[in-house]
Protein backbone atom coordinates (compact mmCIF):
# COMPACT_ATOMS: atom_id res chain seq x y z
CA MET A 1 21.88 -7.09 -20.57
CA ARG A 2 18.22 -7.57 -19.59
CA LYS A 3 16.49 -4.45 -18.31
CA PRO A 4 14.92 -4.78 -14.84
CA ARG A 5 11.20 -5.49 -15.14
CA VAL A 6 8.87 -2.93 -13.53
CA LEU A 7 5.12 -3.16 -12.91
CA LEU A 8 3.16 0.05 -12.25
CA ALA A 9 0.11 0.20 -9.95
CA ASP A 10 -1.92 3.41 -9.73
CA ASP A 11 -5.62 4.08 -10.22
CA HIS A 12 -4.94 7.19 -12.33
CA LYS A 13 -4.01 6.36 -15.93
CA ILE A 14 -2.40 9.76 -16.46
CA ILE A 15 0.07 8.88 -13.68
CA THR A 16 1.01 5.50 -15.10
CA GLU A 17 1.43 6.91 -18.61
CA GLY A 18 3.74 9.60 -17.24
CA LEU A 19 5.72 7.05 -15.26
CA LYS A 20 6.19 4.86 -18.31
CA SER A 21 7.85 7.71 -20.20
CA ILE A 22 10.16 8.36 -17.24
CA LEU A 23 11.16 4.75 -16.64
CA GLU A 24 11.26 3.12 -20.09
CA PRO A 25 14.73 4.38 -21.07
CA GLU A 26 16.23 2.32 -18.23
CA PHE A 27 13.60 -0.24 -17.27
CA ASP A 28 11.24 -2.68 -18.97
CA VAL A 29 7.72 -1.59 -17.94
CA VAL A 30 5.86 -4.91 -18.15
CA GLY A 31 2.38 -3.69 -17.25
CA THR A 32 0.08 -1.25 -15.50
CA VAL A 33 -2.83 -1.95 -13.14
CA GLU A 34 -5.40 0.23 -11.41
CA ASP A 35 -6.32 -1.64 -8.22
CA GLY A 36 -4.82 -3.94 -5.63
CA HIS A 37 -6.53 -7.12 -6.79
CA ALA A 38 -5.40 -6.60 -10.37
CA LEU A 39 -1.89 -5.98 -9.04
CA LEU A 40 -1.76 -9.36 -7.28
CA SER A 41 -2.96 -11.13 -10.40
CA MET A 42 -0.60 -9.31 -12.76
CA ALA A 43 2.42 -9.71 -10.48
CA GLU A 44 1.87 -13.47 -10.43
CA LYS A 45 1.63 -13.48 -14.22
CA VAL A 46 4.56 -11.25 -15.25
CA ARG A 47 6.89 -11.71 -12.25
CA PRO A 48 8.41 -8.19 -12.19
CA ASP A 49 11.63 -7.32 -10.40
CA VAL A 50 10.12 -4.11 -9.01
CA ILE A 51 6.61 -2.81 -8.42
CA VAL A 52 5.94 0.92 -8.20
CA ILE A 53 2.72 1.22 -6.26
CA ASP A 54 0.38 3.89 -4.91
CA ILE A 55 -1.12 3.61 -1.43
CA SER A 56 -4.61 4.80 -2.35
CA MET A 57 -6.25 2.22 -4.59
CA PRO A 58 -9.85 0.98 -4.50
CA GLN A 59 -10.97 -2.20 -2.70
CA LEU A 60 -7.43 -3.31 -1.82
CA ASN A 61 -4.97 -0.55 -0.94
CA GLY A 62 -1.33 -0.60 -1.89
CA ILE A 63 -0.06 -1.39 1.60
CA GLU A 64 -2.28 -4.44 1.98
CA ALA A 65 -1.44 -5.55 -1.57
CA ALA A 66 2.28 -5.26 -0.83
CA HIS A 67 1.85 -7.23 2.37
CA ARG A 68 0.23 -10.08 0.41
CA LEU A 69 2.78 -9.92 -2.39
CA LYS A 70 5.73 -10.31 -0.06
CA LYS A 71 4.23 -13.53 1.28
CA THR A 72 4.30 -15.19 -2.14
CA GLN A 73 7.12 -13.32 -3.92
CA GLU A 74 9.63 -12.57 -1.20
CA ASN A 75 12.31 -11.24 -3.55
CA ILE A 76 10.10 -8.70 -5.30
CA LYS A 77 11.02 -5.06 -4.61
CA VAL A 78 8.21 -2.64 -3.80
CA ILE A 79 8.53 1.14 -4.15
CA PHE A 80 5.67 3.29 -2.90
CA LEU A 81 4.99 6.39 -4.96
CA THR A 82 2.37 8.38 -3.12
CA MET A 83 0.97 11.81 -2.37
CA HIS A 84 1.03 11.12 1.39
CA PRO A 85 3.87 12.81 3.33
CA ASP A 86 2.49 11.59 6.67
CA VAL A 87 5.06 9.43 8.46
CA ALA A 88 2.33 7.00 9.56
CA TYR A 89 1.84 5.98 5.93
CA ALA A 90 5.58 5.48 5.47
CA VAL A 91 5.77 3.33 8.60
CA SER A 92 2.92 1.18 7.26
CA ALA A 93 4.63 0.92 3.88
CA PHE A 94 7.92 -0.32 5.29
CA GLU A 95 6.16 -2.71 7.65
CA SER A 96 4.50 -4.23 4.57
CA GLY A 97 7.94 -4.99 3.15
CA ALA A 98 8.63 -1.94 0.98
CA SER A 99 12.11 -1.05 -0.25
CA GLY A 100 11.34 2.61 -0.96
CA TYR A 101 9.01 5.52 -0.31
CA VAL A 102 8.83 8.45 -2.75
CA LEU A 103 6.37 11.35 -2.91
CA LYS A 104 4.58 12.14 -6.15
CA HIS A 105 5.72 15.76 -6.14
CA SER A 106 9.37 14.68 -5.93
CA ALA A 107 11.63 15.03 -8.96
CA PRO A 108 11.33 12.14 -11.45
CA GLU A 109 15.00 11.31 -10.89
CA GLU A 110 14.17 10.42 -7.29
CA LEU A 111 11.93 7.53 -8.35
CA VAL A 112 14.63 6.22 -10.67
CA ALA A 113 17.15 6.44 -7.82
CA ALA A 114 14.78 4.58 -5.49
CA ILE A 115 14.37 1.73 -7.99
CA ARG A 116 18.14 1.49 -8.47
CA GLU A 117 18.67 1.31 -4.71
CA ALA A 118 15.98 -1.34 -4.29
CA LEU A 119 17.56 -3.51 -6.98
CA LYS A 120 20.82 -3.33 -5.01
CA GLY A 121 19.05 -4.57 -1.91
CA ARG A 122 18.97 -1.17 -0.23
CA THR A 123 16.20 1.00 1.17
CA TYR A 124 15.30 4.45 -0.13
CA VAL A 125 13.32 7.09 1.75
CA THR A 126 12.56 10.45 0.20
CA PRO A 127 14.60 13.16 1.98
CA LEU A 128 11.33 15.08 2.43
CA ILE A 129 10.27 12.78 5.27
CA ALA A 130 13.45 10.87 6.18
CA GLY A 131 14.12 12.93 9.32
CA ASP A 132 10.55 12.65 10.60
CA LEU A 133 10.54 8.90 9.90
CA MET A 134 13.73 8.42 11.89
CA GLN A 135 12.28 10.36 14.82
CA SER A 136 9.14 8.24 14.68
CA TYR A 137 11.17 5.04 15.02
CA LYS A 138 13.31 6.51 17.79
CA LYS A 139 10.22 7.33 19.85
CA GLY A 140 9.07 3.75 19.43
CA SER A 141 5.45 4.74 19.99
CA HIS A 142 3.76 2.35 17.62
CA ARG A 143 0.96 0.99 19.80
CA ASP A 144 -1.61 1.67 17.06
CA ARG A 145 0.55 -0.10 14.48
CA ASP A 146 0.98 -3.10 16.80
CA LEU A 147 -2.78 -3.30 17.24
CA LEU A 148 -3.35 -2.97 13.50
CA SER A 149 -0.92 -5.82 12.79
CA GLN A 150 -3.12 -8.11 14.89
CA LEU A 151 -6.04 -7.72 12.48
CA THR A 152 -6.46 -10.45 9.90
CA SER A 153 -6.09 -9.74 6.20
CA ARG A 154 -9.85 -10.14 5.80
CA GLN A 155 -10.51 -7.68 8.62
CA ARG A 156 -8.24 -5.07 7.05
CA GLN A 157 -10.02 -5.56 3.73
CA VAL A 158 -13.43 -5.08 5.38
CA LEU A 159 -12.07 -2.02 7.18
CA GLN A 160 -10.87 -0.42 3.94
CA LEU A 161 -14.22 -0.98 2.23
CA LEU A 162 -16.08 0.45 5.22
CA ALA A 163 -13.83 3.52 5.17
CA GLU A 164 -14.49 3.92 1.43
CA GLY A 165 -18.17 4.28 2.22
CA HIS A 166 -19.47 0.85 1.24
CA SER A 167 -22.42 -0.64 3.12
CA ALA A 168 -22.24 -4.05 4.78
CA LYS A 169 -24.38 -5.47 1.96
CA GLU A 170 -22.03 -4.06 -0.71
CA ILE A 171 -18.97 -5.37 1.11
CA ALA A 172 -20.55 -8.80 1.39
CA ALA A 173 -21.10 -8.85 -2.39
CA VAL A 174 -17.52 -7.72 -3.14
CA LEU A 175 -15.91 -10.27 -0.80
CA ASN A 176 -18.44 -13.05 -1.44
CA ILE A 177 -19.32 -13.39 2.23
CA SER A 178 -22.55 -12.86 4.18
CA THR A 179 -23.66 -9.51 5.54
CA ARG A 180 -23.64 -11.09 8.98
CA THR A 181 -19.96 -11.98 8.56
CA VAL A 182 -19.16 -8.40 7.58
CA GLU A 183 -20.88 -7.13 10.73
CA PHE A 184 -19.02 -9.72 12.79
CA HIS A 185 -15.66 -8.50 11.44
CA LYS A 186 -16.66 -4.89 12.06
CA TYR A 187 -17.59 -5.37 15.70
CA ARG A 188 -14.67 -7.70 16.36
CA MET A 189 -12.30 -5.00 15.08
CA MET A 190 -13.96 -2.36 17.23
CA GLU A 191 -13.56 -4.61 20.26
CA ASP A 192 -9.91 -5.47 19.53
CA LEU A 193 -8.96 -1.85 18.80
CA GLY A 194 -10.91 -0.37 21.71
CA ILE A 195 -13.08 1.71 19.37
CA LYS A 196 -16.63 2.55 20.42
CA ASN A 197 -18.45 3.28 17.15
CA GLY A 198 -18.32 2.93 13.38
CA ALA A 199 -17.38 6.56 12.74
CA ASP A 200 -14.31 6.28 14.98
CA LEU A 201 -13.39 3.02 13.25
CA ILE A 202 -13.39 4.79 9.89
CA ARG A 203 -11.30 7.67 11.28
CA TYR A 204 -8.85 5.09 12.58
CA ALA A 205 -8.60 3.46 9.14
CA ILE A 206 -7.80 6.79 7.51
CA LYS A 207 -5.25 7.70 10.18
CA GLN A 208 -3.44 4.40 9.74
CA GLY A 209 -3.35 4.62 5.95
CA ILE A 210 -5.77 1.78 5.31
CA ALA A 211 -8.00 4.18 3.39
CA THR A 212 -7.91 7.84 2.53
CA ALA A 213 -10.44 10.57 3.22
């Protein structure tokens, strides 16, 4: 029987090497990548059954990468393996189409269990935040998330790069757009989100899991 194919995405090689040793007895680890753009390219090439992905990756974070992946590969299963216990990150992850959310300091067996559940079409949430996540959904107070979902993919990408400390000129070079376009996206986001200055915009990005401090 063919082993399920797993792609690993984390910008720390020591993490991906450790994950390979944990997963290879049961799964076929078909590749490792270190950023969101490389993940999109590799996923298209190797067509994995499951992707284990970190939230915090340079230029294109895991949540945005997952959101894009699910548009083109609807059946792919995405498991987030992250250091972030904040429920806001988990909400973002599941809104992007994730099948599981596991913390990096969980037992290795928990990641294996999450992948098994995803392959069965189920959802796995680490017990460490499951209760808080349920309470968050019960409250239904997701105004910020609703506002965030209205941003375009390009706007979210500009927002992440701004929060990572890149200048408008650097962002323009990375995205192959003009500096003026970067500034337009920035001020349009501030207007749509009701944010008054660039510093508050960056704090918002960190709070919503678009980028990390």
